[in-house]
C-alpha atoms as a PDB file:
ATOM      1  CA  MET A   1     100.985  47.587 146.584  1.00  0.00           C
ATOM      2  CA  LEU A   2     100.439  51.700 146.729  1.00  0.00           C
ATOM      3  CA  VAL A   3     104.278  51.920 146.515  1.00  0.00           C
ATOM      4  CA  GLY A   4     103.619  49.732 143.111  1.00  0.00           C
ATOM      5  CA  GLY A   5     101.212  51.591 141.897  1.00  0.00           C
ATOM      6  CA  LEU A   6     103.200  55.713 142.268  1.00  0.00           C
ATOM      7  CA  ALA A   7     106.291  53.663 140.957  1.00  0.00           C
ATOM      8  CA  VAL A   8     104.096  52.624 137.519  1.00  0.00           C
ATOM      9  CA  LEU A   9     102.832  56.158 137.611  1.00  0.00           C
ATOM     10  CA  ALA A  10     105.797  57.554 137.925  1.00  0.00           C
ATOM     11  CA  MET A  11     107.620  55.774 135.125  1.00  0.00           C
ATOM     12  CA  LEU A  12     104.639  56.514 132.824  1.00  0.00           C
ATOM     13  CA  THR A  13     104.780  60.314 133.590  1.00  0.00           C
ATOM     14  CA  ALA A  14     108.521  60.169 133.808  1.00  0.00           C
ATOM     15  CA  SER A  15     108.188  58.760 130.112  1.00  0.00           C
ATOM     16  CA  ALA A  16     105.667  61.213 128.839  1.00  0.00           C
ATOM     17  CA  CYS A  17     108.293  64.134 129.703  1.00  0.00           C
ATOM     18  CA  ARG A  18     110.367  63.260 126.333  1.00  0.00           C
ATOM     19  CA  GLN A  19     111.183  65.640 123.857  1.00  0.00           C
ATOM     20  CA  ASP A  20     112.572  64.182 120.676  1.00  0.00           C
ATOM     21  CA  MET A  21     109.690  65.065 118.344  1.00  0.00           C
ATOM     22  CA  HIS A  22     109.587  68.413 119.806  1.00  0.00           C
ATOM     23  CA  ASP A  23     113.363  69.545 119.180  1.00  0.00           C
ATOM     24  CA  GLN A  24     113.754  67.248 115.808  1.00  0.00           C
ATOM     25  CA  PRO A  25     116.527  68.783 113.613  1.00  0.00           C
ATOM     26  CA  LYS A  26     114.543  70.809 110.633  1.00  0.00           C
ATOM     27  CA  TYR A  27     114.808  73.990 108.941  1.00  0.00           C
ATOM     28  CA  ILE A  28     111.908  76.601 109.245  1.00  0.00           C
ATOM     29  CA  ALA A  29     111.682  78.155 105.735  1.00  0.00           C
ATOM     30  CA  LEU A  30     113.334  81.714 104.894  1.00  0.00           C
ATOM     31  CA  ARG A  31     115.282  81.317 108.176  1.00  0.00           C
ATOM     32  CA  PRO A  32     119.278  81.119 107.732  1.00  0.00           C
ATOM     33  CA  SER A  33     121.296  77.926 107.270  1.00  0.00           C
ATOM     34  CA  ASP A  34     124.689  76.299 106.997  1.00  0.00           C
ATOM     35  CA  PHE A  35     123.734  73.684 105.674  1.00  0.00           C
ATOM     36  CA  PHE A  36     123.609  75.385 101.678  1.00  0.00           C
ATOM     37  CA  ALA A  37     125.665  77.623 100.449  1.00  0.00           C
ATOM     38  CA  ASP A  38     123.635  80.376  99.800  1.00  0.00           C
ATOM     39  CA  GLY A  39     122.558  80.518 103.811  1.00  0.00           C
ATOM     40  CA  ARG A  40     119.380  79.906 103.271  1.00  0.00           C
ATOM     41  CA  SER A  41     117.243  76.811 104.412  1.00  0.00           C
ATOM     42  CA  ALA A  42     114.958  76.506 101.607  1.00  0.00           C
ATOM     43  CA  ARG A  43     115.800  76.573  97.730  1.00  0.00           C
ATOM     44  CA  PRO A  44     114.519  78.862  95.213  1.00  0.00           C
ATOM     45  CA  ILE A  45     111.838  77.982  93.147  1.00  0.00           C
ATOM     46  CA  THR A  46     112.885  76.011  89.986  1.00  0.00           C
ATOM     47  CA  ALA A  47     112.331  78.071  87.004  1.00  0.00           C
ATOM     48  CA  GLY A  48     109.295  76.642  84.792  1.00  0.00           C
ATOM     49  CA  THR A  49     107.703  75.776  88.464  1.00  0.00           C
ATOM     50  CA  VAL A  50     103.648  76.108  87.717  1.00  0.00           C
ATOM     51  CA  ALA A  51     101.480  76.810  90.975  1.00  0.00           C
ATOM     52  CA  ARG A  52      99.510  74.824  92.550  1.00  0.00           C
ATOM     53  CA  GLY A  53      95.755  75.660  93.690  1.00  0.00           C
ATOM     54  CA  HIS A  54      95.668  79.613  92.687  1.00  0.00           C
ATOM     55  CA  LEU A  55      97.859  80.790  90.321  1.00  0.00           C
ATOM     56  CA  ASN A  56      97.292  84.730  90.470  1.00  0.00           C
ATOM     57  CA  ASP A  57      98.682  85.602  87.133  1.00  0.00           C
ATOM     58  CA  ASP A  58      96.554  87.844  86.489  1.00  0.00           C
ATOM     59  CA  ALA A  59      98.114  91.380  88.237  1.00  0.00           C
ATOM     60  CA  ALA A  60      94.384  93.149  87.205  1.00  0.00           C
ATOM     61  CA  LEU A  61      92.153  90.878  88.405  1.00  0.00           C
ATOM     62  CA  ASN A  62      93.965  90.241  91.549  1.00  0.00           C
ATOM     63  CA  THR A  63      95.116  93.511  92.685  1.00  0.00           C
ATOM     64  CA  GLY A  64      93.051  95.827  90.931  1.00  0.00           C
ATOM     65  CA  LYS A  65      96.687  97.914  90.169  1.00  0.00           C
ATOM     66  CA  LEU A  66      98.264  98.949  86.894  1.00  0.00           C
ATOM     67  CA  PRO A  67     101.694  97.630  86.101  1.00  0.00           C
ATOM     68  CA  ASP A  68     103.095 101.192  87.698  1.00  0.00           C
ATOM     69  CA  GLY A  69     101.071 100.726  90.872  1.00  0.00           C
ATOM     70  CA  THR A  70      98.096 102.772  90.385  1.00  0.00           C
ATOM     71  CA  PHE A  71      94.646 101.868  90.664  1.00  0.00           C
ATOM     72  CA  PHE A  72      92.546 101.171  87.233  1.00  0.00           C
ATOM     73  CA  ASN A  73      89.134 102.009  86.787  1.00  0.00           C
ATOM     74  CA  THR A  74      87.372  99.061  84.563  1.00  0.00           C
ATOM     75  CA  PHE A  75      86.926  95.787  85.038  1.00  0.00           C
ATOM     76  CA  PRO A  76      88.583  93.149  84.776  1.00  0.00           C
ATOM     77  CA  PHE A  77      85.567  91.021  83.344  1.00  0.00           C
ATOM     78  CA  PRO A  78      82.326  91.854  81.780  1.00  0.00           C
ATOM     79  CA  VAL A  79      79.766  93.073  84.594  1.00  0.00           C
ATOM     80  CA  THR A  80      76.219  91.252  84.084  1.00  0.00           C
ATOM     81  CA  LYS A  81      73.404  90.547  86.182  1.00  0.00           C
ATOM     82  CA  GLU A  82      74.838  87.572  87.114  1.00  0.00           C
ATOM     83  CA  VAL A  83      78.068  89.338  88.418  1.00  0.00           C
ATOM     84  CA  LEU A  84      75.946  91.804  90.085  1.00  0.00           C
ATOM     85  CA  LEU A  85      72.913  89.205  91.679  1.00  0.00           C
ATOM     86  CA  ARG A  86      76.454  87.436  93.043  1.00  0.00           C
ATOM     87  CA  GLY A  87      77.744  90.844  94.216  1.00  0.00           C
ATOM     88  CA  ARG A  88      74.858  91.566  96.000  1.00  0.00           C
ATOM     89  CA  GLN A  89      74.686  88.455  97.534  1.00  0.00           C
ATOM     90  CA  ARG A  90      78.447  88.363  98.665  1.00  0.00           C
ATOM     91  CA  TYR A  91      77.550  92.063  99.494  1.00  0.00           C
ATOM     92  CA  GLU A  92      75.139  90.901 101.913  1.00  0.00           C
ATOM     93  CA  ILE A  93      76.863  88.823 103.901  1.00  0.00           C
ATOM     94  CA  HIS A  94      80.397  90.910 104.400  1.00  0.00           C
ATOM     95  CA  CYS A  95      79.237  94.691 103.760  1.00  0.00           C
ATOM     96  CA  ALA A  96      76.291  95.044 104.944  1.00  0.00           C
ATOM     97  CA  PRO A  97      76.430  94.423 108.918  1.00  0.00           C
ATOM     98  CA  CYS A  98      78.835  97.496 108.677  1.00  0.00           C
ATOM     99  CA  HIS A  99      77.999  99.587 105.615  1.00  0.00           C
ATOM    100  CA  ASP A 100      73.911  98.447 105.385  1.00  0.00           C
ATOM    101  CA  ARG A 101      71.776  97.457 102.476  1.00  0.00           C
ATOM    102  CA  THR A 102      72.331 100.977 101.325  1.00  0.00           C
ATOM    103  CA  GLY A 103      75.937 101.786 101.659  1.00  0.00           C
ATOM    104  CA  SER A 104      75.315 104.541 104.340  1.00  0.00           C
ATOM    105  CA  GLY A 105      77.764 103.710 106.703  1.00  0.00           C
ATOM    106  CA  LEU A 106      74.926 102.732 109.120  1.00  0.00           C
ATOM    107  CA  GLY A 107      74.805  98.851 109.241  1.00  0.00           C
ATOM    108  CA  MET A 108      73.625  96.841 112.392  1.00  0.00           C
ATOM    109  CA  VAL A 109      77.214  96.697 113.944  1.00  0.00           C
ATOM    110  CA  VAL A 110      77.598 100.046 113.628  1.00  0.00           C
ATOM    111  CA  ARG A 111      74.145 100.392 115.782  1.00  0.00           C
ATOM    112  CA  ARG A 112      75.188  98.768 118.476  1.00  0.00           C
ATOM    113  CA  GLY A 113      78.708 100.294 118.542  1.00  0.00           C
ATOM    114  CA  PHE A 114      80.960  99.727 116.290  1.00  0.00           C
ATOM    115  CA  ARG A 115      82.626 103.011 114.362  1.00  0.00           C
ATOM    116  CA  ARG A 116      80.835 104.228 111.103  1.00  0.00           C
ATOM    117  CA  PRO A 117      82.163 103.546 107.987  1.00  0.00           C
ATOM    118  CA  PRO A 118      81.856 105.996 105.799  1.00  0.00           C
ATOM    119  CA  SER A 119      79.083 105.834 103.298  1.00  0.00           C
ATOM    120  CA  TYR A 120      79.574 104.956  99.660  1.00  0.00           C
ATOM    121  CA  HIS A 121      77.195 108.239  98.523  1.00  0.00           C
ATOM    122  CA  ILE A 122      80.168 110.657  98.862  1.00  0.00           C
ATOM    123  CA  ASP A 123      81.818 112.480  96.371  1.00  0.00           C
ATOM    124  CA  ARG A 124      85.220 111.603  97.404  1.00  0.00           C
ATOM    125  CA  LEU A 125      84.290 107.685  97.142  1.00  0.00           C
ATOM    126  CA  ARG A 126      82.029 108.116  93.817  1.00  0.00           C
ATOM    127  CA  GLN A 127      85.160 109.304  92.324  1.00  0.00           C
ATOM    128  CA  VAL A 128      87.722 106.750  93.238  1.00  0.00           C
ATOM    129  CA  PRO A 129      88.891 103.776  90.577  1.00  0.00           C
ATOM    130  CA  ASN A 130      86.998 100.788  90.902  1.00  0.00           C
ATOM    131  CA  GLY A 131      90.759  99.726  91.561  1.00  0.00           C
ATOM    132  CA  TYR A 132      90.623 101.574  94.733  1.00  0.00           C
ATOM    133  CA  LEU A 133      87.214  99.620  96.019  1.00  0.00           C
ATOM    134  CA  PHE A 134      88.762  96.274  95.358  1.00  0.00           C
ATOM    135  CA  ASP A 135      91.749  97.312  96.786  1.00  0.00           C
ATOM    136  CA  VAL A 136      90.450  98.328 100.051  1.00  0.00           C
ATOM    137  CA  ILE A 137      87.925  94.990 100.440  1.00  0.00           C
ATOM    138  CA  SER A 138      91.263  92.972  99.904  1.00  0.00           C
ATOM    139  CA  SER A 139      93.845  94.595 102.142  1.00  0.00           C
ATOM    140  CA  GLY A 140      91.264  96.233 104.854  1.00  0.00           C
ATOM    141  CA  PHE A 141      91.342 100.131 106.276  1.00  0.00           C
ATOM    142  CA  GLY A 142      90.904 101.365 108.863  1.00  0.00           C
ATOM    143  CA  THR A 143      89.207  99.717 111.307  1.00  0.00           C
ATOM    144  CA  MET A 144      87.294  97.280 108.464  1.00  0.00           C
ATOM    145  CA  PRO A 145      89.994  94.433 108.477  1.00  0.00           C
ATOM    146  CA  ASP A 146      91.243  92.481 104.777  1.00  0.00           C
ATOM    147  CA  PHE A 147      88.796  90.310 102.974  1.00  0.00           C
ATOM    148  CA  ALA A 148      91.158  88.440 100.990  1.00  0.00           C
ATOM    149  CA  SER A 149      91.468  85.439 102.055  1.00  0.00           C
ATOM    150  CA  GLU A 150      87.414  85.475 102.854  1.00  0.00           C
ATOM    151  CA  ILE A 151      86.430  86.225  99.333  1.00  0.00           C
ATOM    152  CA  GLN A 152      88.015  85.749  96.113  1.00  0.00           C
ATOM    153  CA  PRO A 153      89.035  87.910  93.431  1.00  0.00           C
ATOM    154  CA  THR A 154      85.973  87.448  91.305  1.00  0.00           C
ATOM    155  CA  ASP A 155      83.598  88.398  94.390  1.00  0.00           C
ATOM    156  CA  ARG A 156      85.227  90.952  95.056  1.00  0.00           C
ATOM    157  CA  TRP A 157      85.002  92.678  91.821  1.00  0.00           C
ATOM    158  CA  ALA A 158      81.458  91.377  92.130  1.00  0.00           C
ATOM    159  CA  ILE A 159      80.956  93.566  95.040  1.00  0.00           C
ATOM    160  CA  VAL A 160      82.438  96.241  93.494  1.00  0.00           C
ATOM    161  CA  GLY A 161      79.903  96.246  91.072  1.00  0.00           C
ATOM    162  CA  TYR A 162      77.469  96.080  92.924  1.00  0.00           C
ATOM    163  CA  MET A 163      78.531  98.627  95.091  1.00  0.00           C
ATOM    164  CA  ARG A 164      78.692 101.443  91.857  1.00  0.00           C
ATOM    165  CA  ALA A 165      75.232  99.866  90.685  1.00  0.00           C
ATOM    166  CA  LEU A 166      73.754 101.638  94.948  1.00  0.00           C
ATOM    167  CA  GLN A 167      75.641 104.762  94.312  1.00  0.00           C
ATOM    168  CA  PHE A 168      74.289 105.177  90.774  1.00  0.00           C
ATOM    169  CA  ALA A 169      70.710 104.312  93.234  1.00  0.00           C
ATOM    170  CA  GLN A 170      71.411 107.189  95.015  1.00  0.00           C
ATOM    171  CA  LYS A 171      71.063 109.546  92.461  1.00  0.00           C
ATOM    172  CA  ALA A 172      68.985 107.989  89.800  1.00  0.00           C
ATOM    173  CA  SER A 173      66.013 109.253  88.458  1.00  0.00           C
ATOM    174  CA  VAL A 174      62.860 108.074  86.308  1.00  0.00           C
ATOM    175  CA  ASN A 175      64.694 109.350  83.576  1.00  0.00           C
ATOM    176  CA  ASP A 176      67.277 106.748  83.685  1.00  0.00           C
ATOM    177  CA  VAL A 177      64.879 103.889  83.658  1.00  0.00           C
ATOM    178  CA  PRO A 178      64.491 103.059  79.839  1.00  0.00           C
ATOM    179  CA  SER A 179      61.072 103.503  78.555  1.00  0.00           C
ATOM    180  CA  GLU A 180      60.280 100.467  78.215  1.00  0.00           C
ATOM    181  CA  ALA A 181      60.617  99.500  81.862  1.00  0.00           C
ATOM    182  CA  ARG A 182      58.577 102.321  83.071  1.00  0.00           C
ATOM    183  CA  ALA A 183      55.495 101.275  83.297  1.00  0.00           C
ATOM    184  CA  GLN A 184      56.843  98.425  85.995  1.00  0.00           C
ATOM    185  CA  LEU A 185      57.381 101.122  88.268  1.00  0.00           C
ATOM    186  CA  GLY A 186      53.631 101.172  88.693  1.00  0.00           C
ATOM    187  CA  PRO A 187      52.081 105.052  89.464  1.00  0.00           C
ATOM    188  CA  GLY A 188      54.204 105.667  92.807  1.00  0.00           C
ATOM    189  CA  GLY A 189      57.144 105.485  91.587  1.00  0.00           C
ATOM    190  CA  PRO A 190      60.192 103.466  92.171  1.00  0.00           C
ATOM    191  CA  GLN A 191      59.476 100.717  94.732  1.00  0.00           C
END
């Protein structure tokens, strides 16, 4: 009985060792092939093909760069209160852990020993084009990872808008507040 059980176990084990599915004939995209005359395994995209999912046809929105590769300093859509609120929300989720809520670069991750990023309030970062900030969020810089796969382009632009608002707020004075809104500040000034 024991010998019969071992024989059945050996047959089951041996039958599971087949590599047919692993070694099946297939072409891996962008690898050479002798099947097609042009030597490619993947076929070129047919003219007029329309992208499914995310069509990235707006270079300004998706890259922050002009056709010549320089960064542009405008936004690809109007920056409204709703855009700034969305930027604040996304900033507090993705950026504040390192950059903190004010942009000074002293976030909780930094307080726990991670390398400190530069403050948004230094002159160099106040003077860079908006497209540069968008590109850094998209591609990463130094120890900062890229967030292109985690944050949609419109949200990255909203974050840039919010970053500019943080920069403005650090240098703002009471004279920058519209006169009709100064009464809301109260007797002690800005709250």
